[in-house]
Structures are given as structure tokens and as C-alpha cells.
C-alpha atoms as a PDB file:
ATOM      1  CA  MET A   1      20.779   8.347   1.151  1.00  0.00           C
ATOM      2  CA  PRO A   2      19.093   9.720  -2.244  1.00  0.00           C
ATOM      3  CA  LEU A   3      15.842  11.100  -1.210  1.00  0.00           C
ATOM      4  CA  CYS A   4      13.639  13.092  -4.239  1.00  0.00           C
ATOM      5  CA  TRP A   5      10.498  15.230  -4.468  1.00  0.00           C
ATOM      6  CA  VAL A   6       7.605  13.838  -6.692  1.00  0.00           C
ATOM      7  CA  LEU A   7       4.814  16.227  -7.535  1.00  0.00           C
ATOM      8  CA  LEU A   8       1.935  13.953  -8.678  1.00  0.00           C
ATOM      9  CA  GLY A   9       1.567  16.680 -11.627  1.00  0.00           C
ATOM     10  CA  GLY A  10       4.769  14.312 -13.490  1.00  0.00           C
ATOM     11  CA  ALA A  11       6.627  16.770 -12.395  1.00  0.00           C
ATOM     12  CA  VAL A  12      10.279  15.606 -10.414  1.00  0.00           C
ATOM     13  CA  VAL A  13      12.550  17.079  -9.120  1.00  0.00           C
ATOM     14  CA  TRP A  14      15.389  16.317  -6.559  1.00  0.00           C
ATOM     15  CA  SER A  15      16.195  17.782  -3.428  1.00  0.00           C
ATOM     16  CA  ALA A  16      17.242  16.015   0.199  1.00  0.00           C
ATOM     17  CA  GLY A  17      14.139  14.716   2.915  1.00  0.00           C
ATOM     18  CA  GLY A  18      12.312  12.164   0.964  1.00  0.00           C
ATOM     19  CA  ILE A  19      10.508  11.629  -1.279  1.00  0.00           C
ATOM     20  CA  THR A  20       7.729  14.592  -1.149  1.00  0.00           C
ATOM     21  CA  LEU A  21       3.612  12.947  -3.000  1.00  0.00           C
ATOM     22  CA  ILE A  22       2.174  16.900  -3.619  1.00  0.00           C
ATOM     23  CA  PRO A  23      -1.249  15.328  -4.249  1.00  0.00           C
ATOM     24  CA  TRP A  24      -3.603  19.395  -4.831  1.00  0.00           C
ATOM     25  CA  GLY A  25      -1.376  21.152  -3.644  1.00  0.00           C
ATOM     26  CA  MET A  26      -0.109  19.164  -0.460  1.00  0.00           C
ATOM     27  CA  ALA A  27       2.689  17.495   0.518  1.00  0.00           C
ATOM     28  CA  LEU A  28       3.823  14.510   1.959  1.00  0.00           C
ATOM     29  CA  THR A  29       7.662  13.468   2.703  1.00  0.00           C
ATOM     30  CA  LEU A  30       8.423  10.167   2.466  1.00  0.00           C
ATOM     31  CA  ARG A  31      11.634   9.567   3.857  1.00  0.00           C
ATOM     32  CA  THR A  32      13.297   6.472   2.445  1.00  0.00           C
ATOM     33  CA  ASP A  33      16.000   3.957   2.150  1.00  0.00           C
ATOM     34  CA  SER A  34      18.847   1.919   0.300  1.00  0.00           C
ATOM     35  CA  GLU A  35      16.070  -0.730   0.969  1.00  0.00           C
ATOM     36  CA  LEU A  36      12.812   1.342  -0.458  1.00  0.00           C
ATOM     37  CA  GLU A  37      15.451   2.890  -3.190  1.00  0.00           C
ATOM     38  CA  LYS A  38      16.253  -0.288  -4.776  1.00  0.00           C
ATOM     39  CA  ALA A  39      12.355  -1.341  -4.533  1.00  0.00           C
ATOM     40  CA  LEU A  40      11.638   1.610  -6.261  1.00  0.00           C
ATOM     41  CA  ASP A  41      14.601   1.578  -9.201  1.00  0.00           C
ATOM     42  CA  ALA A  42      13.428  -1.761 -10.441  1.00  0.00           C
ATOM     43  CA  LEU A  43       9.950  -1.861 -10.302  1.00  0.00           C
ATOM     44  CA  VAL A  44      10.425   2.099 -12.226  1.00  0.00           C
ATOM     45  CA  ALA A  45      12.952  -0.094 -14.507  1.00  0.00           C
ATOM     46  CA  ALA A  46      10.191  -2.970 -14.738  1.00  0.00           C
ATOM     47  CA  GLU A  47       7.321  -0.804 -15.325  1.00  0.00           C
ATOM     48  CA  GLY A  48       8.419   1.852 -16.900  1.00  0.00           C
ATOM     49  CA  GLY A  49       6.308   4.424 -14.202  1.00  0.00           C
ATOM     50  CA  SER A  50       7.732   6.571 -12.453  1.00  0.00           C
ATOM     51  CA  ARG A  51       8.535   6.870  -8.976  1.00  0.00           C
ATOM     52  CA  GLN A  52       4.960   8.634  -7.679  1.00  0.00           C
ATOM     53  CA  GLU A  53       2.868   5.830 -10.099  1.00  0.00           C
ATOM     54  CA  ILE A  54       4.436   2.775  -8.546  1.00  0.00           C
ATOM     55  CA  ILE A  55       3.954   4.113  -5.037  1.00  0.00           C
ATOM     56  CA  ARG A  56       0.907   5.574  -5.134  1.00  0.00           C
ATOM     57  CA  LYS A  57      -0.030   1.993  -6.783  1.00  0.00           C
ATOM     58  CA  ALA A  58       1.039   0.447  -3.600  1.00  0.00           C
ATOM     59  CA  VAL A  59      -0.908   2.627  -1.069  1.00  0.00           C
ATOM     60  CA  ILE A  60      -4.166   2.111  -2.628  1.00  0.00           C
ATOM     61  CA  ASP A  61      -3.558  -1.954  -2.993  1.00  0.00           C
ATOM     62  CA  TYR A  62      -3.089  -1.878  -0.091  1.00  0.00           C
ATOM     63  CA  TYR A  63      -5.846   0.555   1.013  1.00  0.00           C
ATOM     64  CA  HIS A  64      -7.815  -1.972  -1.841  1.00  0.00           C
ATOM     65  CA  ARG A  65      -6.281  -5.405   0.395  1.00  0.00           C
ATOM     66  CA  ALA A  66      -7.143  -4.360   3.855  1.00  0.00           C
ATOM     67  CA  ASP A  67     -10.675  -3.429   3.630  1.00  0.00           C
ATOM     68  CA  LEU A  68     -11.164  -6.663   1.793  1.00  0.00           C
ATOM     69  CA  HIS A  69      -9.475  -8.781   5.059  1.00  0.00           C
ATOM     70  CA  ALA A  70     -11.861  -6.752   6.956  1.00  0.00           C
ATOM     71  CA  GLN A  71     -15.121  -7.631   5.032  1.00  0.00           C
ATOM     72  CA  VAL A  72     -13.470 -11.143   4.413  1.00  0.00           C
ATOM     73  CA  GLU A  73     -13.501 -10.885   8.677  1.00  0.00           C
ATOM     74  CA  SER A  74     -16.835  -9.678   9.563  1.00  0.00           C
ATOM     75  CA  ILE A  75     -18.718 -12.683   6.878  1.00  0.00           C
ATOM     76  CA  GLY A  76     -16.914 -15.739   9.161  1.00  0.00           C
ATOM     77  CA  GLU A  77     -17.434 -13.951  12.605  1.00  0.00           C
ATOM     78  CA  ARG A  78     -21.388 -14.454  11.441  1.00  0.00           C
ATOM     79  CA  ASN A  79     -21.044 -17.145  10.242  1.00  0.00           C
ATOM     80  CA  LEU A  80     -19.227 -18.175  12.945  1.00  0.00           C
ATOM     81  CA  GLU A  81     -22.183 -17.184  15.392  1.00  0.00           C
ATOM     82  CA  LYS A  82     -25.025 -18.721  13.107  1.00  0.00           C
ATOM     83  CA  TRP A  83     -22.479 -21.796  12.847  1.00  0.00           C
ATOM     84  CA  ALA A  84     -21.269 -22.648  15.962  1.00  0.00           C
ATOM     85  CA  ASP A  85     -23.517 -25.140  17.090  1.00  0.00           C
ATOM     86  CA  VAL A  86     -22.471 -27.211  14.178  1.00  0.00           C
ATOM     87  CA  PHE A  87     -19.282 -26.661  14.588  1.00  0.00           C
ATOM     88  CA  GLU A  88     -19.431 -27.517  17.008  1.00  0.00           C
ATOM     89  CA  ARG A  89     -20.745 -30.489  16.689  1.00  0.00           C
ATOM     90  CA  LEU A  90     -18.021 -31.151  13.453  1.00  0.00           C
ATOM     91  CA  ARG A  91     -15.046 -30.439  16.777  1.00  0.00           C
ATOM     92  CA  HIS A  92     -16.499 -33.989  18.645  1.00  0.00           C
ATOM     93  CA  THR A  93     -16.312 -36.037  16.328  1.00  0.00           C
END
């Protein structure tokens, strides 16, 4: 399985073991499979960035979507409690 190390400073060092992201002196090894390799290669070709940039964008995007989901769920729960009597009447109409 093809694997590599990626430095956040922009340098790319190829080796076995996975994609290693080194943010601010810390390393993270991401083990890849052929499906992830294919997706990364396609995104790099389409966007012209690096694997590190693609992975960074994906993780940050996932983080923001998860936070938004939690906010929407919280609002929904609050409104369900607030409007429970109305929802119950509508259910029986």
C-alpha cells in the first residue's frame, strides 16, 4: 500500500508507514488504503494543492459541520420543549 509523510511546513518526505502530518513539531501518522490514496490523488490533481492541505481542509470542514449540527440539534430540542403543546395539537388534527 503506498504511503507517505507530509510536513505541515510544506516539505514532503516519502516513506512507508502512512501520511504523517507534523503540525508545530507534533506528528500524526495517517494510515491510508487504496481508496484514500485514489481520493487524495484526484483532489490534489483537481485543486492543485498538497495532500496535507486536502486533509487539513477536510478535518476542519468536518469539525465545523459537527459543531453546526450540535447547535441545530440544541435549538431543535429547546423549541420542541417550548412548542410541545402546539406540536401535540397539530399531531391530532
